[in-house]
Amino acid sequence: MSERSDETPAGLARIEGFLMSQAALLEAREKGQAFAGALTWLGPGEQDEISHRFAQHHLALRKEMLAATVARAEELKAEYSHRYDHLRWRITCLALIALGLYTVAVALLCRP
């Protein structure tokens, strides 16, 4: 495989990550503006400050939730990898036992 085709998935993942972060930033700003806009008794400067703080808080919460999701995914990956390894070991043992029993049975049946 060429070097260029190896870089394509990584490049697409970076572009997707960038677009997702920009969408999250836009959403946070919109929610901040909507929240601050509802506080009609504040002046424009105060609304801007509230909007900015709300957006920052919103982004921080999203980062925390994403980090928690990634951590849980890693935990599940480790747990299922362990279960798979254990299951594979058990199946291999059972297959070897079955092969051994089959061999003994064939040897006993083929005795003159």
PDB file of N, CA and C in Angstrom:
ATOM      1  N   MET A   1       0.850  -1.170   0.000  1.00  0.00           N
ATOM      2  CA  MET A   1       0.000   0.000   0.000  1.00  0.00           C
ATOM      3  C   MET A   1       0.896   1.234   0.000  1.00  0.00           C
ATOM      4  N   SER A   2       0.523   2.228  -0.739  1.00  0.00           N
ATOM      5  CA  SER A   2       1.363   3.414  -0.836  1.00  0.00           C
ATOM      6  C   SER A   2       1.253   4.270   0.418  1.00  0.00           C
ATOM      7  N   GLU A   3       2.243   5.142   0.573  1.00  0.00           N
ATOM      8  CA  GLU A   3       2.267   6.021   1.743  1.00  0.00           C
ATOM      9  C   GLU A   3       1.065   6.948   1.754  1.00  0.00           C
ATOM     10  N   ARG A   4       0.674   7.368   0.573  1.00  0.00           N
ATOM     11  CA  ARG A   4      -0.448   8.297   0.479  1.00  0.00           C
ATOM     12  C   ARG A   4      -1.752   7.651   0.932  1.00  0.00           C
ATOM     13  N   SER A   5      -1.999   6.413   0.535  1.00  0.00           N
ATOM     14  CA  SER A   5      -3.245   5.757   0.929  1.00  0.00           C
ATOM     15  C   SER A   5      -3.239   5.406   2.414  1.00  0.00           C
ATOM     16  N   ASP A   6      -2.059   5.236   3.024  1.00  0.00           N
ATOM     17  CA  ASP A   6      -1.981   4.998   4.461  1.00  0.00           C
ATOM     18  C   ASP A   6      -2.370   6.246   5.248  1.00  0.00           C
ATOM     19  N   GLU A   7      -2.098   7.402   4.715  1.00  0.00           N
ATOM     20  CA  GLU A   7      -2.383   8.650   5.406  1.00  0.00           C
ATOM     21  C   GLU A   7      -3.841   9.089   5.250  1.00  0.00           C
ATOM     22  N   THR A   8      -4.530   8.551   4.265  1.00  0.00           N
ATOM     23  CA  THR A   8      -5.893   8.993   3.984  1.00  0.00           C
ATOM     24  C   THR A   8      -6.840   8.799   5.165  1.00  0.00           C
ATOM     25  N   PRO A   9      -6.915   7.612   5.780  1.00  0.00           N
ATOM     26  CA  PRO A   9      -7.842   7.467   6.917  1.00  0.00           C
ATOM     27  C   PRO A   9      -7.496   8.392   8.082  1.00  0.00           C
ATOM     28  N   ALA A  10      -6.215   8.555   8.363  1.00  0.00           N
ATOM     29  CA  ALA A  10      -5.812   9.441   9.461  1.00  0.00           C
ATOM     30  C   ALA A  10      -6.176  10.888   9.139  1.00  0.00           C
ATOM     31  N   GLY A  11      -5.972  11.283   7.898  1.00  0.00           N
ATOM     32  CA  GLY A  11      -6.335  12.647   7.491  1.00  0.00           C
ATOM     33  C   GLY A  11      -7.830  12.883   7.560  1.00  0.00           C
ATOM     34  N   LEU A  12      -8.596  11.904   7.127  1.00  0.00           N
ATOM     35  CA  LEU A  12     -10.051  12.030   7.199  1.00  0.00           C
ATOM     36  C   LEU A  12     -10.520  12.085   8.652  1.00  0.00           C
ATOM     37  N   ALA A  13      -9.878  11.317   9.512  1.00  0.00           N
ATOM     38  CA  ALA A  13     -10.238  11.341  10.935  1.00  0.00           C
ATOM     39  C   ALA A  13      -9.940  12.709  11.543  1.00  0.00           C
ATOM     40  N   ARG A  14      -8.807  13.312  11.146  1.00  0.00           N
ATOM     41  CA  ARG A  14      -8.478  14.655  11.650  1.00  0.00           C
ATOM     42  C   ARG A  14      -9.489  15.688  11.162  1.00  0.00           C
ATOM     43  N   ILE A  15      -9.876  15.588   9.897  1.00  0.00           N
ATOM     44  CA  ILE A  15     -10.861  16.518   9.346  1.00  0.00           C
ATOM     45  C   ILE A  15     -12.196  16.345  10.060  1.00  0.00           C
ATOM     46  N   GLU A  16     -12.605  15.086  10.274  1.00  0.00           N
ATOM     47  CA  GLU A  16     -13.857  14.824  10.973  1.00  0.00           C
ATOM     48  C   GLU A  16     -13.807  15.374  12.393  1.00  0.00           C
ATOM     49  N   GLY A  17     -12.692  15.179  13.076  1.00  0.00           N
ATOM     50  CA  GLY A  17     -12.538  15.706  14.432  1.00  0.00           C
ATOM     51  C   GLY A  17     -12.617  17.221  14.456  1.00  0.00           C
ATOM     52  N   PHE A  18     -11.977  17.861  13.480  1.00  0.00           N
ATOM     53  CA  PHE A  18     -12.017  19.323  13.394  1.00  0.00           C
ATOM     54  C   PHE A  18     -13.449  19.806  13.172  1.00  0.00           C
ATOM     55  N   LEU A  19     -14.154  19.163  12.241  1.00  0.00           N
ATOM     56  CA  LEU A  19     -15.527  19.578  11.953  1.00  0.00           C
ATOM     57  C   LEU A  19     -16.443  19.360  13.158  1.00  0.00           C
ATOM     58  N   MET A  20     -16.226  18.269  13.872  1.00  0.00           N
ATOM     59  CA  MET A  20     -17.038  18.012  15.067  1.00  0.00           C
ATOM     60  C   MET A  20     -16.741  19.042  16.152  1.00  0.00           C
ATOM     61  N   SER A  21     -15.488  19.417  16.316  1.00  0.00           N
ATOM     62  CA  SER A  21     -15.153  20.420  17.336  1.00  0.00           C
ATOM     63  C   SER A  21     -15.727  21.782  16.960  1.00  0.00           C
ATOM     64  N   GLN A  22     -15.713  22.106  15.686  1.00  0.00           N
ATOM     65  CA  GLN A  22     -16.289  23.378  15.256  1.00  0.00           C
ATOM     66  C   GLN A  22     -17.799  23.386  15.449  1.00  0.00           C
ATOM     67  N   ALA A  23     -18.448  22.254  15.200  1.00  0.00           N
ATOM     68  CA  ALA A  23     -19.887  22.159  15.426  1.00  0.00           C
ATOM     69  C   ALA A  23     -20.208  22.303  16.914  1.00  0.00           C
ATOM     70  N   ALA A  24     -19.390  21.688  17.771  1.00  0.00           N
ATOM     71  CA  ALA A  24     -19.596  21.802  19.220  1.00  0.00           C
ATOM     72  C   ALA A  24     -19.395  23.242  19.675  1.00  0.00           C
ATOM     73  N   LEU A  25     -18.393  23.903  19.134  1.00  0.00           N
ATOM     74  CA  LEU A  25     -18.133  25.298  19.480  1.00  0.00           C
ATOM     75  C   LEU A  25     -19.291  26.194  19.047  1.00  0.00           C
ATOM     76  N   LEU A  26     -19.782  25.971  17.845  1.00  0.00           N
ATOM     77  CA  LEU A  26     -20.918  26.752  17.351  1.00  0.00           C
ATOM     78  C   LEU A  26     -22.160  26.513  18.219  1.00  0.00           C
ATOM     79  N   GLU A  27     -22.403  25.246  18.568  1.00  0.00           N
ATOM     80  CA  GLU A  27     -23.551  24.932  19.417  1.00  0.00           C
ATOM     81  C   GLU A  27     -23.424  25.614  20.781  1.00  0.00           C
ATOM     82  N   ALA A  28     -22.236  25.569  21.366  1.00  0.00           N
ATOM     83  CA  ALA A  28     -22.016  26.192  22.675  1.00  0.00           C
ATOM     84  C   ALA A  28     -22.265  27.697  22.601  1.00  0.00           C
ATOM     85  N   ARG A  29     -21.779  28.317  21.537  1.00  0.00           N
ATOM     86  CA  ARG A  29     -21.994  29.764  21.384  1.00  0.00           C
ATOM     87  C   ARG A  29     -23.475  30.089  21.236  1.00  0.00           C
ATOM     88  N   GLU A  30     -24.176  29.288  20.416  1.00  0.00           N
ATOM     89  CA  GLU A  30     -25.604  29.531  20.208  1.00  0.00           C
ATOM     90  C   GLU A  30     -26.386  29.350  21.508  1.00  0.00           C
ATOM     91  N   LYS A  31     -26.070  28.305  22.257  1.00  0.00           N
ATOM     92  CA  LYS A  31     -26.763  28.083  23.523  1.00  0.00           C
ATOM     93  C   LYS A  31     -26.440  29.195  24.526  1.00  0.00           C
ATOM     94  N   GLY A  32     -25.209  29.654  24.518  1.00  0.00           N
ATOM     95  CA  GLY A  32     -24.822  30.751  25.396  1.00  0.00           C
ATOM     96  C   GLY A  32     -25.557  32.033  25.046  1.00  0.00           C
ATOM     97  N   GLN A  33     -25.673  32.314  23.758  1.00  0.00           N
ATOM     98  CA  GLN A  33     -26.383  33.510  23.330  1.00  0.00           C
ATOM     99  C   GLN A  33     -27.866  33.418  23.657  1.00  0.00           C
ATOM    100  N   ALA A  34     -28.434  32.223  23.471  1.00  0.00           N
ATOM    101  CA  ALA A  34     -29.859  32.045  23.788  1.00  0.00           C
ATOM    102  C   ALA A  34     -30.095  32.218  25.285  1.00  0.00           C
ATOM    103  N   PHE A  35     -29.201  31.672  26.099  1.00  0.00           N
ATOM    104  CA  PHE A  35     -29.350  31.801  27.546  1.00  0.00           C
ATOM    105  C   PHE A  35     -29.218  33.263  27.974  1.00  0.00           C
ATOM    106  N   ALA A  36     -28.173  33.911  27.479  1.00  0.00           N
ATOM    107  CA  ALA A  36     -27.949  35.308  27.861  1.00  0.00           C
ATOM    108  C   ALA A  36     -29.038  36.214  27.307  1.00  0.00           C
ATOM    109  N   GLY A  37     -29.551  35.879  26.130  1.00  0.00           N
ATOM    110  CA  GLY A  37     -30.612  36.688  25.530  1.00  0.00           C
ATOM    111  C   GLY A  37     -31.891  36.666  26.341  1.00  0.00           C
ATOM    112  N   ALA A  38     -32.106  35.591  27.071  1.00  0.00           N
ATOM    113  CA  ALA A  38     -33.311  35.486  27.903  1.00  0.00           C
ATOM    114  C   ALA A  38     -33.214  36.374  29.138  1.00  0.00           C
ATOM    115  N   LEU A  39     -32.009  36.794  29.480  1.00  0.00           N
ATOM    116  CA  LEU A  39     -31.816  37.671  30.643  1.00  0.00           C
ATOM    117  C   LEU A  39     -31.891  39.128  30.165  1.00  0.00           C
ATOM    118  N   THR A  40     -33.104  39.562  29.872  1.00  0.00           N
ATOM    119  CA  THR A  40     -33.328  40.857  29.222  1.00  0.00           C
ATOM    120  C   THR A  40     -32.940  42.046  30.087  1.00  0.00           C
ATOM    121  N   TRP A  41     -32.840  41.879  31.375  1.00  0.00           N
ATOM    122  CA  TRP A  41     -32.492  42.996  32.262  1.00  0.00           C
ATOM    123  C   TRP A  41     -30.999  43.310  32.253  1.00  0.00           C
ATOM    124  N   LEU A  42     -30.191  42.417  31.633  1.00  0.00           N
ATOM    125  CA  LEU A  42     -28.754  42.679  31.554  1.00  0.00           C
ATOM    126  C   LEU A  42     -28.447  43.587  30.370  1.00  0.00           C
ATOM    127  N   GLY A  43     -27.386  44.330  30.500  1.00  0.00           N
ATOM    128  CA  GLY A  43     -26.942  45.159  29.387  1.00  0.00           C
ATOM    129  C   GLY A  43     -26.212  44.309  28.361  1.00  0.00           C
ATOM    130  N   PRO A  44     -25.925  44.881  27.188  1.00  0.00           N
ATOM    131  CA  PRO A  44     -25.265  44.118  26.118  1.00  0.00           C
ATOM    132  C   PRO A  44     -23.904  43.540  26.542  1.00  0.00           C
ATOM    133  N   GLY A  45     -23.117  44.310  27.247  1.00  0.00           N
ATOM    134  CA  GLY A  45     -21.812  43.825  27.696  1.00  0.00           C
ATOM    135  C   GLY A  45     -21.948  42.672  28.683  1.00  0.00           C
ATOM    136  N   GLU A  46     -22.926  42.787  29.564  1.00  0.00           N
ATOM    137  CA  GLU A  46     -23.163  41.728  30.544  1.00  0.00           C
ATOM    138  C   GLU A  46     -23.693  40.458  29.863  1.00  0.00           C
ATOM    139  N   GLN A  47     -24.561  40.650  28.877  1.00  0.00           N
ATOM    140  CA  GLN A  47     -25.076  39.504  28.130  1.00  0.00           C
ATOM    141  C   GLN A  47     -23.943  38.796  27.380  1.00  0.00           C
ATOM    142  N   ASP A  48     -23.041  39.579  26.798  1.00  0.00           N
ATOM    143  CA  ASP A  48     -21.895  38.979  26.109  1.00  0.00           C
ATOM    144  C   ASP A  48     -21.037  38.168  27.073  1.00  0.00           C
ATOM    145  N   GLU A  49     -20.809  38.722  28.262  1.00  0.00           N
ATOM    146  CA  GLU A  49     -20.005  38.024  29.269  1.00  0.00           C
ATOM    147  C   GLU A  49     -20.696  36.732  29.704  1.00  0.00           C
ATOM    148  N   ILE A  50     -21.988  36.797  29.975  1.00  0.00           N
ATOM    149  CA  ILE A  50     -22.749  35.609  30.380  1.00  0.00           C
ATOM    150  C   ILE A  50     -22.747  34.589  29.249  1.00  0.00           C
ATOM    151  N   SER A  51     -22.945  35.048  28.030  1.00  0.00           N
ATOM    152  CA  SER A  51     -22.949  34.163  26.867  1.00  0.00           C
ATOM    153  C   SER A  51     -21.612  33.443  26.736  1.00  0.00           C
ATOM    154  N   HIS A  52     -20.536  34.188  26.879  1.00  0.00           N
ATOM    155  CA  HIS A  52     -19.194  33.613  26.775  1.00  0.00           C
ATOM    156  C   HIS A  52     -18.956  32.580  27.878  1.00  0.00           C
ATOM    157  N   ARG A  53     -19.309  32.925  29.103  1.00  0.00           N
ATOM    158  CA  ARG A  53     -19.104  31.995  30.239  1.00  0.00           C
ATOM    159  C   ARG A  53     -19.960  30.733  30.086  1.00  0.00           C
ATOM    160  N   PHE A  54     -21.182  30.917  29.617  1.00  0.00           N
ATOM    161  CA  PHE A  54     -22.059  29.767  29.404  1.00  0.00           C
ATOM    162  C   PHE A  54     -21.458  28.848  28.345  1.00  0.00           C
ATOM    163  N   ALA A  55     -20.978  29.433  27.253  1.00  0.00           N
ATOM    164  CA  ALA A  55     -20.383  28.637  26.176  1.00  0.00           C
ATOM    165  C   ALA A  55     -19.157  27.881  26.683  1.00  0.00           C
ATOM    166  N   GLN A  56     -18.312  28.540  27.475  1.00  0.00           N
ATOM    167  CA  GLN A  56     -17.125  27.877  28.018  1.00  0.00           C
ATOM    168  C   GLN A  56     -17.523  26.728  28.943  1.00  0.00           C
ATOM    169  N   HIS A  57     -18.523  26.959  29.765  1.00  0.00           N
ATOM    170  CA  HIS A  57     -19.003  25.908  30.670  1.00  0.00           C
ATOM    171  C   HIS A  57     -19.580  24.737  29.869  1.00  0.00           C
ATOM    172  N   HIS A  58     -20.338  25.044  28.846  1.00  0.00           N
ATOM    173  CA  HIS A  58     -20.934  24.025  27.985  1.00  0.00           C
ATOM    174  C   HIS A  58     -19.843  23.175  27.332  1.00  0.00           C
ATOM    175  N   LEU A  59     -18.810  23.814  26.812  1.00  0.00           N
ATOM    176  CA  LEU A  59     -17.704  23.079  26.187  1.00  0.00           C
ATOM    177  C   LEU A  59     -16.954  22.217  27.203  1.00  0.00           C
ATOM    178  N   ALA A  60     -16.764  22.751  28.402  1.00  0.00           N
ATOM    179  CA  ALA A  60     -16.076  21.974  29.442  1.00  0.00           C
ATOM    180  C   ALA A  60     -16.882  20.726  29.801  1.00  0.00           C
ATOM    181  N   LEU A  61     -18.198  20.858  29.884  1.00  0.00           N
ATOM    182  CA  LEU A  61     -19.040  19.696  30.169  1.00  0.00           C
ATOM    183  C   LEU A  61     -18.952  18.660  29.059  1.00  0.00           C
ATOM    184  N   ARG A  62     -18.951  19.115  27.823  1.00  0.00           N
ATOM    185  CA  ARG A  62     -18.839  18.185  26.690  1.00  0.00           C
ATOM    186  C   ARG A  62     -17.509  17.453  26.725  1.00  0.00           C
ATOM    187  N   LYS A  63     -16.436  18.170  27.054  1.00  0.00           N
ATOM    188  CA  LYS A  63     -15.124  17.526  27.144  1.00  0.00           C
ATOM    189  C   LYS A  63     -15.105  16.478  28.244  1.00  0.00           C
ATOM    190  N   GLU A  64     -15.708  16.805  29.391  1.00  0.00           N
ATOM    191  CA  GLU A  64     -15.774  15.846  30.495  1.00  0.00           C
ATOM    192  C   GLU A  64     -16.565  14.612  30.092  1.00  0.00           C
ATOM    193  N   MET A  65     -17.696  14.817  29.428  1.00  0.00           N
ATOM    194  CA  MET A  65     -18.522  13.691  29.005  1.00  0.00           C
ATOM    195  C   MET A  65     -17.789  12.838  27.973  1.00  0.00           C
ATOM    196  N   LEU A  66     -17.081  13.474  27.064  1.00  0.00           N
ATOM    197  CA  LEU A  66     -16.321  12.738  26.058  1.00  0.00           C
ATOM    198  C   LEU A  66     -15.198  11.945  26.713  1.00  0.00           C
ATOM    199  N   ALA A  67     -14.499  12.557  27.653  1.00  0.00           N
ATOM    200  CA  ALA A  67     -13.424  11.857  28.359  1.00  0.00           C
ATOM    201  C   ALA A  67     -13.972  10.662  29.131  1.00  0.00           C
ATOM    202  N   ALA A  68     -15.130  10.828  29.764  1.00  0.00           N
ATOM    203  CA  ALA A  68     -15.751   9.723  30.500  1.00  0.00           C
ATOM    204  C   ALA A  68     -16.165   8.605  29.544  1.00  0.00           C
ATOM    205  N   THR A  69     -16.674   8.964  28.389  1.00  0.00           N
ATOM    206  CA  THR A  69     -17.072   7.968  27.394  1.00  0.00           C
ATOM    207  C   THR A  69     -15.861   7.196  26.887  1.00  0.00           C
ATOM    208  N   VAL A  70     -14.780   7.910  26.603  1.00  0.00           N
ATOM    209  CA  VAL A  70     -13.550   7.257  26.136  1.00  0.00           C
ATOM    210  C   VAL A  70     -12.997   6.329  27.218  1.00  0.00           C
ATOM    211  N   ALA A  71     -12.997   6.789  28.460  1.00  0.00           N
ATOM    212  CA  ALA A  71     -12.502   5.957  29.557  1.00  0.00           C
ATOM    213  C   ALA A  71     -13.343   4.699  29.701  1.00  0.00           C
ATOM    214  N   ARG A  72     -14.654   4.835  29.612  1.00  0.00           N
ATOM    215  CA  ARG A  72     -15.534   3.669  29.729  1.00  0.00           C
ATOM    216  C   ARG A  72     -15.324   2.720  28.558  1.00  0.00           C
ATOM    217  N   ALA A  73     -15.124   3.264  27.373  1.00  0.00           N
ATOM    218  CA  ALA A  73     -14.865   2.413  26.207  1.00  0.00           C
ATOM    219  C   ALA A  73     -13.581   1.613  26.401  1.00  0.00           C
ATOM    220  N   GLU A  74     -12.564   2.235  26.964  1.00  0.00           N
ATOM    221  CA  GLU A  74     -11.314   1.526  27.244  1.00  0.00           C
ATOM    222  C   GLU A  74     -11.528   0.433  28.287  1.00  0.00           C
ATOM    223  N   GLU A  75     -12.321   0.725  29.317  1.00  0.00           N
ATOM    224  CA  GLU A  75     -12.621  -0.291  30.330  1.00  0.00           C
ATOM    225  C   GLU A  75     -13.339  -1.482  29.701  1.00  0.00           C
ATOM    226  N   LEU A  76     -14.333  -1.198  28.869  1.00  0.00           N
ATOM    227  CA  LEU A  76     -15.075  -2.268  28.218  1.00  0.00           C
ATOM    228  C   LEU A  76     -14.185  -3.066  27.271  1.00  0.00           C
ATOM    229  N   LYS A  77     -13.325  -2.375  26.570  1.00  0.00           N
ATOM    230  CA  LYS A  77     -12.403  -3.059  25.658  1.00  0.00           C
ATOM    231  C   LYS A  77     -11.514  -4.025  26.434  1.00  0.00           C
ATOM    232  N   ALA A  78     -10.969  -3.582  27.559  1.00  0.00           N
ATOM    233  CA  ALA A  78     -10.114  -4.444  28.376  1.00  0.00           C
ATOM    234  C   ALA A  78     -10.914  -5.617  28.935  1.00  0.00           C
ATOM    235  N   GLU A  79     -12.123  -5.336  29.422  1.00  0.00           N
ATOM    236  CA  GLU A  79     -12.953  -6.399  29.990  1.00  0.00           C
ATOM    237  C   GLU A  79     -13.298  -7.451  28.942  1.00  0.00           C
ATOM    238  N   TYR A  80     -13.748  -7.023  27.768  1.00  0.00           N
ATOM    239  CA  TYR A  80     -14.131  -7.975  26.738  1.00  0.00           C
ATOM    240  C   TYR A  80     -12.925  -8.686  26.141  1.00  0.00           C
ATOM    241  N   SER A  81     -11.788  -8.039  26.092  1.00  0.00           N
ATOM    242  CA  SER A  81     -10.571  -8.715  25.629  1.00  0.00           C
ATOM    243  C   SER A  81     -10.207  -9.840  26.591  1.00  0.00           C
ATOM    244  N   HIS A  82     -10.323  -9.558  27.891  1.00  0.00           N
ATOM    245  CA  HIS A  82     -10.037 -10.592  28.898  1.00  0.00           C
ATOM    246  C   HIS A  82     -11.023 -11.750  28.763  1.00  0.00           C
ATOM    247  N   ARG A  83     -12.301 -11.440  28.612  1.00  0.00           N
ATOM    248  CA  ARG A  83     -13.310 -12.491  28.462  1.00  0.00           C
ATOM    249  C   ARG A  83     -13.059 -13.318  27.202  1.00  0.00           C
ATOM    250  N   TYR A  84     -12.712 -12.657  26.114  1.00  0.00           N
ATOM    251  CA  TYR A  84     -12.449 -13.354  24.862  1.00  0.00           C
ATOM    252  C   TYR A  84     -11.240 -14.269  25.011  1.00  0.00           C
ATOM    253  N   ASP A  85     -10.181 -13.781  25.628  1.00  0.00           N
ATOM    254  CA  ASP A  85      -8.987 -14.606  25.841  1.00  0.00           C
ATOM    255  C   ASP A  85      -9.313 -15.825  26.694  1.00  0.00           C
ATOM    256  N   HIS A  86     -10.105 -15.618  27.750  1.00  0.00           N
ATOM    257  CA  HIS A  86     -10.492 -16.728  28.622  1.00  0.00           C
ATOM    258  C   HIS A  86     -11.346 -17.737  27.861  1.00  0.00           C
ATOM    259  N   LEU A  87     -12.294 -17.274  27.084  1.00  0.00           N
ATOM    260  CA  LEU A  87     -13.154 -18.153  26.292  1.00  0.00           C
ATOM    261  C   LEU A  87     -12.331 -18.926  25.269  1.00  0.00           C
ATOM    262  N   ARG A  88     -11.416 -18.260  24.604  1.00  0.00           N
ATOM    263  CA  ARG A  88     -10.563 -18.927  23.615  1.00  0.00           C
ATOM    264  C   ARG A  88      -9.731 -20.020  24.277  1.00  0.00           C
ATOM    265  N   TRP A  89      -9.217 -19.736  25.485  1.00  0.00           N
ATOM    266  CA  TRP A  89      -8.431 -20.729  26.217  1.00  0.00           C
ATOM    267  C   TRP A  89      -9.297 -21.936  26.561  1.00  0.00           C
ATOM    268  N   ARG A  90     -10.524 -21.694  27.028  1.00  0.00           N
ATOM    269  CA  ARG A  90     -11.423 -22.796  27.387  1.00  0.00           C
ATOM    270  C   ARG A  90     -11.774 -23.642  26.176  1.00  0.00           C
ATOM    271  N   ILE A  91     -12.056 -22.997  25.050  1.00  0.00           N
ATOM    272  CA  ILE A  91     -12.414 -23.739  23.841  1.00  0.00           C
ATOM    273  C   ILE A  91     -11.227 -24.558  23.348  1.00  0.00           C
ATOM    274  N   THR A  92     -10.041 -23.988  23.417  1.00  0.00           N
ATOM    275  CA  THR A  92      -8.846 -24.730  23.015  1.00  0.00           C
ATOM    276  C   THR A  92      -8.648 -25.952  23.902  1.00  0.00           C
ATOM    277  N   CYS A  93      -8.824 -25.786  25.209  1.00  0.00           N
ATOM    278  CA  CYS A  93      -8.693 -26.917  26.136  1.00  0.00           C
ATOM    279  C   CYS A  93      -9.731 -27.992  25.839  1.00  0.00           C
ATOM    280  N   LEU A  94     -10.968 -27.577  25.617  1.00  0.00           N
ATOM    281  CA  LEU A  94     -12.024 -28.539  25.308  1.00  0.00           C
ATOM    282  C   LEU A  94     -11.744 -29.263  23.992  1.00  0.00           C
ATOM    283  N   ALA A  95     -11.239 -28.542  23.012  1.00  0.00           N
ATOM    284  CA  ALA A  95     -10.910 -29.166  21.732  1.00  0.00           C
ATOM    285  C   ALA A  95      -9.786 -30.188  21.900  1.00  0.00           C
ATOM    286  N   LEU A  96      -8.781 -29.865  22.700  1.00  0.00           N
ATOM    287  CA  LEU A  96      -7.685 -30.800  22.937  1.00  0.00           C
ATOM    288  C   LEU A  96      -8.168 -32.036  23.703  1.00  0.00           C
ATOM    289  N   ILE A  97      -9.040 -31.821  24.690  1.00  0.00           N
ATOM    290  CA  ILE A  97      -9.599 -32.957  25.428  1.00  0.00           C
ATOM    291  C   ILE A  97     -10.425 -33.844  24.495  1.00  0.00           C
ATOM    292  N   ALA A  98     -11.254 -33.223  23.668  1.00  0.00           N
ATOM    293  CA  ALA A  98     -12.070 -33.988  22.722  1.00  0.00           C
ATOM    294  C   ALA A  98     -11.185 -34.758  21.746  1.00  0.00           C
ATOM    295  N   LEU A  99     -10.130 -34.131  21.267  1.00  0.00           N
ATOM    296  CA  LEU A  99      -9.208 -34.808  20.355  1.00  0.00           C
ATOM    297  C   LEU A  99      -8.529 -35.981  21.056  1.00  0.00           C
ATOM    298  N   GLY A 100      -8.137 -35.768  22.309  1.00  0.00           N
ATOM    299  CA  GLY A 100      -7.518 -36.848  23.071  1.00  0.00           C
ATOM    300  C   GLY A 100      -8.468 -38.010  23.277  1.00  0.00           C
ATOM    301  N   LEU A 101      -9.719 -37.724  23.645  1.00  0.00           N
ATOM    302  CA  LEU A 101     -10.710 -38.773  23.829  1.00  0.00           C
ATOM    303  C   LEU A 101     -10.998 -39.502  22.527  1.00  0.00           C
ATOM    304  N   TYR A 102     -11.057 -38.760  21.446  1.00  0.00           N
ATOM    305  CA  TYR A 102     -11.276 -39.366  20.130  1.00  0.00           C
ATOM    306  C   TYR A 102     -10.126 -40.300  19.782  1.00  0.00           C
ATOM    307  N   THR A 103      -8.912 -39.844  20.047  1.00  0.00           N
ATOM    308  CA  THR A 103      -7.741 -40.662  19.753  1.00  0.00           C
ATOM    309  C   THR A 103      -7.760 -41.942  20.576  1.00  0.00           C
ATOM    310  N   VAL A 104      -8.083 -41.838  21.854  1.00  0.00           N
ATOM    311  CA  VAL A 104      -8.159 -43.022  22.721  1.00  0.00           C
ATOM    312  C   VAL A 104      -9.257 -43.954  22.222  1.00  0.00           C
ATOM    313  N   ALA A 105     -10.414 -43.423  21.861  1.00  0.00           N
ATOM    314  CA  ALA A 105     -11.521 -44.245  21.378  1.00  0.00           C
ATOM    315  C   ALA A 105     -11.150 -44.974  20.093  1.00  0.00           C
ATOM    316  N   VAL A 106     -10.508 -44.274  19.172  1.00  0.00           N
ATOM    317  CA  VAL A 106     -10.097 -44.900  17.913  1.00  0.00           C
ATOM    318  C   VAL A 106      -9.044 -45.988  18.208  1.00  0.00           C
ATOM    319  N   ALA A 107      -8.125 -45.697  19.082  1.00  0.00           N
ATOM    320  CA  ALA A 107      -7.090 -46.682  19.415  1.00  0.00           C
ATOM    321  C   ALA A 107      -7.713 -47.923  20.042  1.00  0.00           C
ATOM    322  N   LEU A 108      -8.686 -47.743  20.904  1.00  0.00           N
ATOM    323  CA  LEU A 108      -9.343 -48.896  21.543  1.00  0.00           C
ATOM    324  C   LEU A 108     -10.187 -49.692  20.562  1.00  0.00           C
ATOM    325  N   LEU A 109     -10.828 -49.007  19.654  1.00  0.00           N
ATOM    326  CA  LEU A 109     -11.673 -49.705  18.682  1.00  0.00           C
ATOM    327  C   LEU A 109     -10.871 -50.426  17.603  1.00  0.00           C
ATOM    328  N   CYS A 110      -9.695 -49.960  17.345  1.00  0.00           N
ATOM    329  CA  CYS A 110      -8.867 -50.538  16.289  1.00  0.00           C
ATOM    330  C   CYS A 110      -7.948 -51.641  16.814  1.00  0.00           C
ATOM    331  N   ARG A 111      -7.989 -51.957  18.068  1.00  0.00           N
ATOM    332  CA  ARG A 111      -7.144 -53.020  18.628  1.00  0.00           C
ATOM    333  C   ARG A 111      -7.598 -54.356  18.072  1.00  0.00           C
ATOM    334  N   PRO A 112      -6.624 -55.201  17.750  1.00  0.00           N
ATOM    335  CA  PRO A 112      -6.990 -56.521  17.221  1.00  0.00           C
ATOM    336  C   PRO A 112      -7.503 -57.464  18.281  1.00  0.00           C
TER     337      PRO A 112
END
